[in-house]
C-alpha atoms as a PDB file:
ATOM      1  CA  UNK A   1       5.592 -20.527  14.888  1.00  0.00           C
ATOM      2  CA  UNK A   2       8.853 -21.657  14.691  1.00  0.00           C
ATOM      3  CA  UNK A   3       8.024 -25.426  15.007  1.00  0.00           C
ATOM      4  CA  UNK A   4       5.641 -24.600  11.991  1.00  0.00           C
ATOM      5  CA  UNK A   5       8.364 -22.492   9.938  1.00  0.00           C
ATOM      6  CA  UNK A   6      10.568 -25.617  10.512  1.00  0.00           C
ATOM      7  CA  UNK A   7       8.235 -28.804   9.344  1.00  0.00           C
ATOM      8  CA  UNK A   8       7.358 -26.313   6.174  1.00  0.00           C
ATOM      9  CA  UNK A   9      11.350 -25.464   5.395  1.00  0.00           C
ATOM     10  CA  UNK A  10      11.881 -29.313   5.574  1.00  0.00           C
ATOM     11  CA  UNK A  11       8.814 -30.425   3.364  1.00  0.00           C
ATOM     12  CA  UNK A  12       9.625 -27.950   0.398  1.00  0.00           C
ATOM     13  CA  UNK A  13      13.770 -28.675   0.412  1.00  0.00           C
ATOM     14  CA  UNK A  14      11.500 -32.950  -0.331  1.00  0.00           C
ATOM     15  CA  UNK A  15       9.612 -31.460  -2.998  1.00  0.00           C
ATOM     16  CA  UNK A  16      12.000 -28.100  -4.719  1.00  0.00           C
ATOM     17  CA  UNK A  17      15.268 -30.178  -4.017  1.00  0.00           C
ATOM     18  CA  UNK A  18      16.810 -27.047  -2.894  1.00  0.00           C
ATOM     19  CA  UNK A  19      18.394 -26.874   0.510  1.00  0.00           C
ATOM     20  CA  UNK A  20      17.460 -23.537   2.629  1.00  0.00           C
ATOM     21  CA  UNK A  21      20.375 -22.330   4.650  1.00  0.00           C
ATOM     22  CA  UNK A  22      20.494 -19.342   6.984  1.00  0.00           C
ATOM     23  CA  UNK A  23      22.533 -17.468   4.257  1.00  0.00           C
ATOM     24  CA  UNK A  24      19.811 -17.754   1.533  1.00  0.00           C
ATOM     25  CA  UNK A  25      16.802 -16.987   3.931  1.00  0.00           C
ATOM     26  CA  UNK A  26      18.611 -13.678   4.840  1.00  0.00           C
ATOM     27  CA  UNK A  27      18.815 -12.515   0.562  1.00  0.00           C
ATOM     28  CA  UNK A  28      15.656 -12.893   0.706  1.00  0.00           C
ATOM     29  CA  UNK A  29      14.596 -11.009   3.745  1.00  0.00           C
ATOM     30  CA  UNK A  30      16.649  -8.207   2.346  1.00  0.00           C
ATOM     31  CA  UNK A  31      15.099  -7.996  -1.087  1.00  0.00           C
ATOM     32  CA  UNK A  32      11.668  -8.815   0.700  1.00  0.00           C
ATOM     33  CA  UNK A  33      12.458  -5.466   3.017  1.00  0.00           C
ATOM     34  CA  UNK A  34      14.117  -3.625   0.142  1.00  0.00           C
ATOM     35  CA  UNK A  35      10.211  -4.192  -2.002  1.00  0.00           C
ATOM     36  CA  UNK A  36       8.537  -3.581   1.190  1.00  0.00           C
ATOM     37  CA  UNK A  37       9.825  -0.149   1.528  1.00  0.00           C
ATOM     38  CA  UNK A  38       8.605   0.150  -2.169  1.00  0.00           C
ATOM     39  CA  UNK A  39       5.390  -1.029  -1.709  1.00  0.00           C
ATOM     40  CA  UNK A  40       5.227   1.460   1.323  1.00  0.00           C
ATOM     41  CA  UNK A  41       6.141   4.461  -0.474  1.00  0.00           C
ATOM     42  CA  UNK A  42       3.257   3.931  -3.548  1.00  0.00           C
ATOM     43  CA  UNK A  43       0.411   3.288  -0.537  1.00  0.00           C
ATOM     44  CA  UNK A  44       1.570   6.072   1.409  1.00  0.00           C
ATOM     45  CA  UNK A  45       3.472   8.727   0.096  1.00  0.00           C
ATOM     46  CA  UNK A  46       1.872   8.649  -3.731  1.00  0.00           C
ATOM     47  CA  UNK A  47      -1.759   7.133  -2.691  1.00  0.00           C
ATOM     48  CA  UNK A  48      -2.069   9.646   0.886  1.00  0.00           C
ATOM     49  CA  UNK A  49      -1.046  12.613  -1.916  1.00  0.00           C
ATOM     50  CA  UNK A  50      -2.868  15.379  -3.340  1.00  0.00           C
ATOM     51  CA  UNK A  51      -1.551  14.665  -7.031  1.00  0.00           C
ATOM     52  CA  UNK A  52      -1.709  10.745  -9.206  1.00  0.00           C
ATOM     53  CA  UNK A  53       1.068   9.771 -11.651  1.00  0.00           C
ATOM     54  CA  UNK A  54      -2.854   8.658 -13.514  1.00  0.00           C
ATOM     55  CA  UNK A  55      -6.125   8.284 -12.717  1.00  0.00           C
ATOM     56  CA  UNK A  56      -7.183   6.925  -9.468  1.00  0.00           C
ATOM     57  CA  UNK A  57      -8.806   3.716 -11.165  1.00  0.00           C
ATOM     58  CA  UNK A  58      -5.743   3.462 -13.276  1.00  0.00           C
ATOM     59  CA  UNK A  59      -3.666   3.484  -9.527  1.00  0.00           C
ATOM     60  CA  UNK A  60      -5.385   1.189  -8.460  1.00  0.00           C
ATOM     61  CA  UNK A  61      -5.492  -1.611 -10.682  1.00  0.00           C
ATOM     62  CA  UNK A  62      -1.453  -0.798 -10.091  1.00  0.00           C
ATOM     63  CA  UNK A  63      -2.642  -1.932  -6.230  1.00  0.00           C
ATOM     64  CA  UNK A  64      -4.326  -4.699  -6.639  1.00  0.00           C
ATOM     65  CA  UNK A  65      -1.576  -5.781  -9.043  1.00  0.00           C
ATOM     66  CA  UNK A  66       0.345  -5.626  -5.975  1.00  0.00           C
ATOM     67  CA  UNK A  67      -1.610  -7.379  -3.646  1.00  0.00           C
ATOM     68  CA  UNK A  68      -1.654 -10.224  -5.800  1.00  0.00           C
ATOM     69  CA  UNK A  69       1.971 -10.663  -6.692  1.00  0.00           C
ATOM     70  CA  UNK A  70       3.606  -9.716  -3.446  1.00  0.00           C
ATOM     71  CA  UNK A  71       1.699 -13.258  -3.012  1.00  0.00           C
ATOM     72  CA  UNK A  72       5.506 -14.646  -4.018  1.00  0.00           C
ATOM     73  CA  UNK A  73       7.099 -11.535  -6.107  1.00  0.00           C
ATOM     74  CA  UNK A  74       6.093 -13.819  -9.051  1.00  0.00           C
ATOM     75  CA  UNK A  75       8.469 -16.473  -8.183  1.00  0.00           C
ATOM     76  CA  UNK A  76      11.813 -14.326  -9.304  1.00  0.00           C
ATOM     77  CA  UNK A  77      12.318 -11.849  -6.019  1.00  0.00           C
ATOM     78  CA  UNK A  78      15.086  -9.732  -7.277  1.00  0.00           C
ATOM     79  CA  UNK A  79      13.617  -9.403 -10.733  1.00  0.00           C
ATOM     80  CA  UNK A  80      10.335  -7.979  -8.848  1.00  0.00           C
ATOM     81  CA  UNK A  81      12.575  -5.877  -6.315  1.00  0.00           C
ATOM     82  CA  UNK A  82      13.741  -4.263  -9.479  1.00  0.00           C
ATOM     83  CA  UNK A  83      10.114  -3.809 -11.257  1.00  0.00           C
ATOM     84  CA  UNK A  84       9.215  -1.952  -7.783  1.00  0.00           C
ATOM     85  CA  UNK A  85      12.236   0.239  -7.751  1.00  0.00           C
ATOM     86  CA  UNK A  86      11.209   1.514 -11.625  1.00  0.00           C
ATOM     87  CA  UNK A  87       7.766   1.745 -11.103  1.00  0.00           C
ATOM     88  CA  UNK A  88       7.781   4.172  -7.414  1.00  0.00           C
ATOM     89  CA  UNK A  89      10.603   5.597 -10.144  1.00  0.00           C
ATOM     90  CA  UNK A  90       8.273   6.573 -12.869  1.00  0.00           C
ATOM     91  CA  UNK A  91       5.468   7.301 -10.402  1.00  0.00           C
ATOM     92  CA  UNK A  92       7.928  10.165  -8.670  1.00  0.00           C
ATOM     93  CA  UNK A  93       8.785  11.706 -11.909  1.00  0.00           C
ATOM     94  CA  UNK A  94       5.875  11.856 -13.441  1.00  0.00           C
ATOM     95  CA  UNK A  95       4.049  13.203 -10.145  1.00  0.00           C
ATOM     96  CA  UNK A  96       7.169  15.882 -10.434  1.00  0.00           C
ATOM     97  CA  UNK A  97       6.234  16.530 -14.099  1.00  0.00           C
ATOM     98  CA  UNK A  98       3.414  17.170 -13.317  1.00  0.00           C
ATOM     99  CA  UNK A  99       1.492  14.185 -15.297  1.00  0.00           C
ATOM    100  CA  UNK A 100      -1.245  12.553 -13.860  1.00  0.00           C
ATOM    101  CA  UNK A 101      -4.428  14.199 -11.992  1.00  0.00           C
ATOM    102  CA  UNK A 102      -4.936  16.167  -9.305  1.00  0.00           C
ATOM    103  CA  UNK A 103      -7.373  14.419  -6.695  1.00  0.00           C
ATOM    104  CA  UNK A 104      -6.936  16.717  -3.363  1.00  0.00           C
ATOM    105  CA  UNK A 105     -10.585  16.908  -3.394  1.00  0.00           C
ATOM    106  CA  UNK A 106     -11.093  12.700  -4.301  1.00  0.00           C
ATOM    107  CA  UNK A 107     -12.501  10.929  -0.914  1.00  0.00           C
ATOM    108  CA  UNK A 108     -10.165   8.458  -0.276  1.00  0.00           C
ATOM    109  CA  UNK A 109     -11.656   4.902   0.255  1.00  0.00           C
ATOM    110  CA  UNK A 110     -10.353   1.715   1.567  1.00  0.00           C
ATOM    111  CA  UNK A 111     -11.482  -1.384   0.280  1.00  0.00           C
ATOM    112  CA  UNK A 112     -10.800  -4.282   2.050  1.00  0.00           C
ATOM    113  CA  UNK A 113     -10.035  -7.645   2.161  1.00  0.00           C
ATOM    114  CA  UNK A 114      -9.305  -8.080  -1.068  1.00  0.00           C
ATOM    115  CA  UNK A 115      -6.984 -11.379  -1.224  1.00  0.00           C
ATOM    116  CA  UNK A 116      -8.841 -13.800  -1.313  1.00  0.00           C
ATOM    117  CA  UNK A 117     -10.688 -12.034  -4.340  1.00  0.00           C
ATOM    118  CA  UNK A 118     -13.002  -8.690  -5.002  1.00  0.00           C
ATOM    119  CA  UNK A 119     -14.472  -7.558  -7.832  1.00  0.00           C
ATOM    120  CA  UNK A 120     -12.648  -4.790 -10.360  1.00  0.00           C
ATOM    121  CA  UNK A 121     -15.334  -3.291 -10.736  1.00  0.00           C
ATOM    122  CA  UNK A 122     -15.498  -2.041  -7.161  1.00  0.00           C
ATOM    123  CA  UNK A 123     -12.441   0.841  -7.775  1.00  0.00           C
ATOM    124  CA  UNK A 124     -14.430   1.835 -11.436  1.00  0.00           C
ATOM    125  CA  UNK A 125     -17.355   2.578  -9.926  1.00  0.00           C
ATOM    126  CA  UNK A 126     -15.882   4.734  -7.054  1.00  0.00           C
ATOM    127  CA  UNK A 127     -13.899   6.686  -9.627  1.00  0.00           C
ATOM    128  CA  UNK A 128     -17.098   7.471 -11.341  1.00  0.00           C
ATOM    129  CA  UNK A 129     -18.729   9.013  -8.854  1.00  0.00           C
ATOM    130  CA  UNK A 130     -15.648  10.666  -8.090  1.00  0.00           C
ATOM    131  CA  UNK A 131     -13.919   8.718  -5.710  1.00  0.00           C
ATOM    132  CA  UNK A 132     -10.389   6.679  -5.180  1.00  0.00           C
ATOM    133  CA  UNK A 133      -9.926   3.649  -3.421  1.00  0.00           C
ATOM    134  CA  UNK A 134      -6.514   2.219  -1.846  1.00  0.00           C
ATOM    135  CA  UNK A 135      -5.620  -1.754  -1.819  1.00  0.00           C
ATOM    136  CA  UNK A 136      -3.939  -1.814   1.027  1.00  0.00           C
ATOM    137  CA  UNK A 137      -4.263  -5.374   3.270  1.00  0.00           C
ATOM    138  CA  UNK A 138      -0.870  -6.340   3.257  1.00  0.00           C
ATOM    139  CA  UNK A 139      -0.128  -3.428   5.518  1.00  0.00           C
ATOM    140  CA  UNK A 140      -3.465  -3.660   7.385  1.00  0.00           C
ATOM    141  CA  UNK A 141      -1.818  -7.099   8.263  1.00  0.00           C
ATOM    142  CA  UNK A 142       1.565  -6.220   9.506  1.00  0.00           C
ATOM    143  CA  UNK A 143       3.038  -8.481   6.552  1.00  0.00           C
ATOM    144  CA  UNK A 144       4.980  -5.235   5.085  1.00  0.00           C
ATOM    145  CA  UNK A 145       6.598  -5.079   8.370  1.00  0.00           C
ATOM    146  CA  UNK A 146      10.170  -5.513   7.911  1.00  0.00           C
ATOM    147  CA  UNK A 147      12.066  -8.568   9.143  1.00  0.00           C
ATOM    148  CA  UNK A 148      15.605  -8.098  10.940  1.00  0.00           C
ATOM    149  CA  UNK A 149      18.589  -9.213   9.446  1.00  0.00           C
ATOM    150  CA  UNK A 150      22.473  -9.468  10.900  1.00  0.00           C
ATOM    151  CA  UNK A 151      25.350 -10.704  10.672  1.00  0.00           C
ATOM    152  CA  UNK A 152      24.515 -13.230  14.241  1.00  0.00           C
ATOM    153  CA  UNK A 153      20.469 -12.833  13.791  1.00  0.00           C
ATOM    154  CA  UNK A 154      18.398 -16.192  13.835  1.00  0.00           C
ATOM    155  CA  UNK A 155      16.635 -15.841  10.279  1.00  0.00           C
ATOM    156  CA  UNK A 156      13.813 -19.015  11.138  1.00  0.00           C
ATOM    157  CA  UNK A 157      13.261 -17.277  14.281  1.00  0.00           C
ATOM    158  CA  UNK A 158      12.366 -13.865  13.207  1.00  0.00           C
ATOM    159  CA  UNK A 159      10.334 -15.118  10.560  1.00  0.00           C
ATOM    160  CA  UNK A 160       8.312 -16.964  13.061  1.00  0.00           C
ATOM    161  CA  UNK A 161       8.281 -13.493  14.901  1.00  0.00           C
ATOM    162  CA  UNK A 162       7.171 -11.814  11.481  1.00  0.00           C
ATOM    163  CA  UNK A 163       4.511 -14.575  10.999  1.00  0.00           C
ATOM    164  CA  UNK A 164       2.895 -14.219  14.986  1.00  0.00           C
ATOM    165  CA  UNK A 165       3.258 -10.455  14.928  1.00  0.00           C
ATOM    166  CA  UNK A 166       0.766 -10.475  12.023  1.00  0.00           C
ATOM    167  CA  UNK A 167      -1.344 -13.359  13.361  1.00  0.00           C
ATOM    168  CA  UNK A 168      -1.551 -10.860  15.686  1.00  0.00           C
ATOM    169  CA  UNK A 169      -2.490  -8.433  13.972  1.00  0.00           C
ATOM    170  CA  UNK A 170      -5.986  -9.986  13.300  1.00  0.00           C
ATOM    171  CA  UNK A 171      -4.901 -12.289  10.354  1.00  0.00           C
ATOM    172  CA  UNK A 172      -6.713 -15.285  11.632  1.00  0.00           C
ATOM    173  CA  UNK A 173      -9.806 -13.312  12.694  1.00  0.00           C
ATOM    174  CA  UNK A 174     -11.747 -16.778  13.655  1.00  0.00           C
ATOM    175  CA  UNK A 175      -9.377 -17.133  17.365  1.00  0.00           C
ATOM    176  CA  UNK A 176      -9.306 -13.135  17.460  1.00  0.00           C
ATOM    177  CA  UNK A 177     -11.990 -10.716  15.949  1.00  0.00           C
ATOM    178  CA  UNK A 178     -10.954  -7.976  18.101  1.00  0.00           C
ATOM    179  CA  UNK A 179      -7.589  -7.239  16.716  1.00  0.00           C
ATOM    180  CA  UNK A 180      -9.031  -7.789  13.415  1.00  0.00           C
ATOM    181  CA  UNK A 181     -11.370  -4.357  14.412  1.00  0.00           C
ATOM    182  CA  UNK A 182      -8.297  -3.007  16.172  1.00  0.00           C
ATOM    183  CA  UNK A 183      -6.245  -3.071  13.344  1.00  0.00           C
ATOM    184  CA  UNK A 184      -8.999  -1.742  10.694  1.00  0.00           C
ATOM    185  CA  UNK A 185      -9.765   1.351  12.748  1.00  0.00           C
ATOM    186  CA  UNK A 186      -6.111   1.835  13.601  1.00  0.00           C
ATOM    187  CA  UNK A 187      -5.222   1.987   9.777  1.00  0.00           C
ATOM    188  CA  UNK A 188      -8.193   4.117   9.141  1.00  0.00           C
ATOM    189  CA  UNK A 189      -7.432   6.867  11.622  1.00  0.00           C
ATOM    190  CA  UNK A 190      -4.016   6.642  11.062  1.00  0.00           C
ATOM    191  CA  UNK A 191      -4.032   7.219   6.766  1.00  0.00           C
ATOM    192  CA  UNK A 192      -6.663   9.287   7.245  1.00  0.00           C
ATOM    193  CA  UNK A 193      -9.430   7.651   4.607  1.00  0.00           C
ATOM    194  CA  UNK A 194     -12.820   9.092   4.136  1.00  0.00           C
ATOM    195  CA  UNK A 195     -14.236   6.584   4.300  1.00  0.00           C
ATOM    196  CA  UNK A 196     -14.487   1.959   4.231  1.00  0.00           C
ATOM    197  CA  UNK A 197     -15.990  -0.774   1.679  1.00  0.00           C
ATOM    198  CA  UNK A 198     -15.596  -4.006   3.328  1.00  0.00           C
ATOM    199  CA  UNK A 199     -15.384  -6.923   0.843  1.00  0.00           C
ATOM    200  CA  UNK A 200     -17.430 -10.132   2.272  1.00  0.00           C
ATOM    201  CA  UNK A 201     -16.085 -13.217  -0.222  1.00  0.00           C
ATOM    202  CA  UNK A 202     -19.176 -15.449  -0.104  1.00  0.00           C
ATOM    203  CA  UNK A 203     -18.408 -19.342   1.025  1.00  0.00           C
ATOM    204  CA  UNK A 204     -15.286 -17.344   2.898  1.00  0.00           C
ATOM    205  CA  UNK A 205     -13.713 -20.631   4.325  1.00  0.00           C
ATOM    206  CA  UNK A 206     -11.384 -17.714   6.617  1.00  0.00           C
ATOM    207  CA  UNK A 207     -14.448 -16.920   8.554  1.00  0.00           C
ATOM    208  CA  UNK A 208     -13.667 -12.787   8.162  1.00  0.00           C
ATOM    209  CA  UNK A 209     -17.603 -12.289   7.940  1.00  0.00           C
ATOM    210  CA  UNK A 210     -17.706 -12.987  11.394  1.00  0.00           C
ATOM    211  CA  UNK A 211     -16.284  -9.520  11.735  1.00  0.00           C
ATOM    212  CA  UNK A 212     -17.885  -7.146   9.157  1.00  0.00           C
ATOM    213  CA  UNK A 213     -20.762  -6.182  11.520  1.00  0.00           C
ATOM    214  CA  UNK A 214     -18.798  -5.583  13.548  1.00  0.00           C
ATOM    215  CA  UNK A 215     -16.010  -3.337  11.746  1.00  0.00           C
ATOM    216  CA  UNK A 216     -18.884  -1.586  10.040  1.00  0.00           C
ATOM    217  CA  UNK A 217     -20.354  -0.588  12.950  1.00  0.00           C
ATOM    218  CA  UNK A 218     -16.863   0.417  15.047  1.00  0.00           C
ATOM    219  CA  UNK A 219     -15.673   2.292  12.410  1.00  0.00           C
ATOM    220  CA  UNK A 220     -19.236   4.077  11.831  1.00  0.00           C
ATOM    221  CA  UNK A 221     -19.041   4.501  15.412  1.00  0.00           C
ATOM    222  CA  UNK A 222     -15.880   5.415  16.778  1.00  0.00           C
ATOM    223  CA  UNK A 223     -14.314   7.395  13.946  1.00  0.00           C
ATOM    224  CA  UNK A 224     -17.352   8.814  12.259  1.00  0.00           C
ATOM    225  CA  UNK A 225     -16.979   7.375   8.829  1.00  0.00           C
ATOM    226  CA  UNK A 226     -19.618   5.630   6.509  1.00  0.00           C
ATOM    227  CA  UNK A 227     -18.694   2.497   5.632  1.00  0.00           C
ATOM    228  CA  UNK A 228     -20.545  -0.312   3.647  1.00  0.00           C
ATOM    229  CA  UNK A 229     -20.558  -3.548   2.905  1.00  0.00           C
ATOM    230  CA  UNK A 230     -20.116  -5.243  -0.819  1.00  0.00           C
ATOM    231  CA  UNK A 231     -20.708  -9.160  -1.402  1.00  0.00           C
ATOM    232  CA  UNK A 232     -18.364 -11.029  -3.956  1.00  0.00           C
ATOM    233  CA  UNK A 233     -18.304 -14.511  -5.374  1.00  0.00           C
ATOM    234  CA  UNK A 234     -16.945 -14.436  -8.645  1.00  0.00           C
ATOM    235  CA  UNK A 235     -15.675 -11.700 -10.862  1.00  0.00           C
ATOM    236  CA  UNK A 236     -18.474  -9.729 -13.283  1.00  0.00           C
ATOM    237  CA  UNK A 237     -21.575 -12.334 -11.292  1.00  0.00           C
ATOM    238  CA  UNK A 238     -23.176  -9.279  -9.293  1.00  0.00           C
ATOM    239  CA  UNK A 239     -22.462  -6.006 -10.686  1.00  0.00           C
ATOM    240  CA  UNK A 240     -26.023  -3.964 -10.352  1.00  0.00           C
ATOM    241  CA  UNK A 241     -25.754  -5.367  -6.919  1.00  0.00           C
ATOM    242  CA  UNK A 242     -22.565  -3.888  -6.249  1.00  0.00           C
ATOM    243  CA  UNK A 243     -23.631  -0.704  -8.042  1.00  0.00           C
ATOM    244  CA  UNK A 244     -27.169  -0.545  -5.714  1.00  0.00           C
ATOM    245  CA  UNK A 245     -24.977  -0.788  -2.875  1.00  0.00           C
ATOM    246  CA  UNK A 246     -21.753   1.668  -3.633  1.00  0.00           C
ATOM    247  CA  UNK A 247     -24.030   4.873  -5.177  1.00  0.00           C
ATOM    248  CA  UNK A 248     -26.167   5.714  -2.352  1.00  0.00           C
ATOM    249  CA  UNK A 249     -22.429   5.265  -0.046  1.00  0.00           C
ATOM    250  CA  UNK A 250     -20.573   7.388  -3.402  1.00  0.00           C
ATOM    251  CA  UNK A 251     -23.655   9.493  -2.715  1.00  0.00           C
ATOM    252  CA  UNK A 252     -23.180  10.181   0.781  1.00  0.00           C
ATOM    253  CA  UNK A 253     -19.536  10.621   0.703  1.00  0.00           C
ATOM    254  CA  UNK A 254     -19.762  13.539  -2.616  1.00  0.00           C
ATOM    255  CA  UNK A 255     -22.484  15.270  -1.422  1.00  0.00           C
END
């Protein structure tokens, strides 16, 4: 893993003309660690609460945007950190003032994975049925874990360890489906979701589809949680099929 990181840095230096130093990496890691703390605050403190600073569909949209933008911090890490800080501050202020929505009797559903693409109408449909959606791919896969930074640390080795730990969570499903299943089981149990919607990307090159039935059956049998698999290829393409899948699933949850 370290060799891979070293090679990637060399190639990026050739392309950009910028030199990557230990200090520059540590600076980015420090910013990233702060971003991850804010991200987890939104997911766990606010996302698990009984009162949202907005309606559940809007909250799901925010989580969807975070899933996308977290991949490169919108190409400006410092500005992204400032925006995350302001977002958490605004959410907390709204909750404190009672501006938002009581979601104490609203089933909380994990919808995943979405980082390769998903139908945003999913959280709108679930909201109309009285549910709320959490998108948490990066947390499930260990990519919100912090990278240690100290004066004498080796940032490339620390980053390699970070990537290796994420790999062991099951992000390389083709090689380790059991690890991915365990990650979903542990996450669903830890954060008390009422059900799980697995988003199957058609023609997915990561081959997550090999794990879907195993994931669904494990969570149903071991956690006694309802699950459903929905399929996605292109936004707006299978709305009718999506509604047909989610309607009996949500009726089961809200009866």
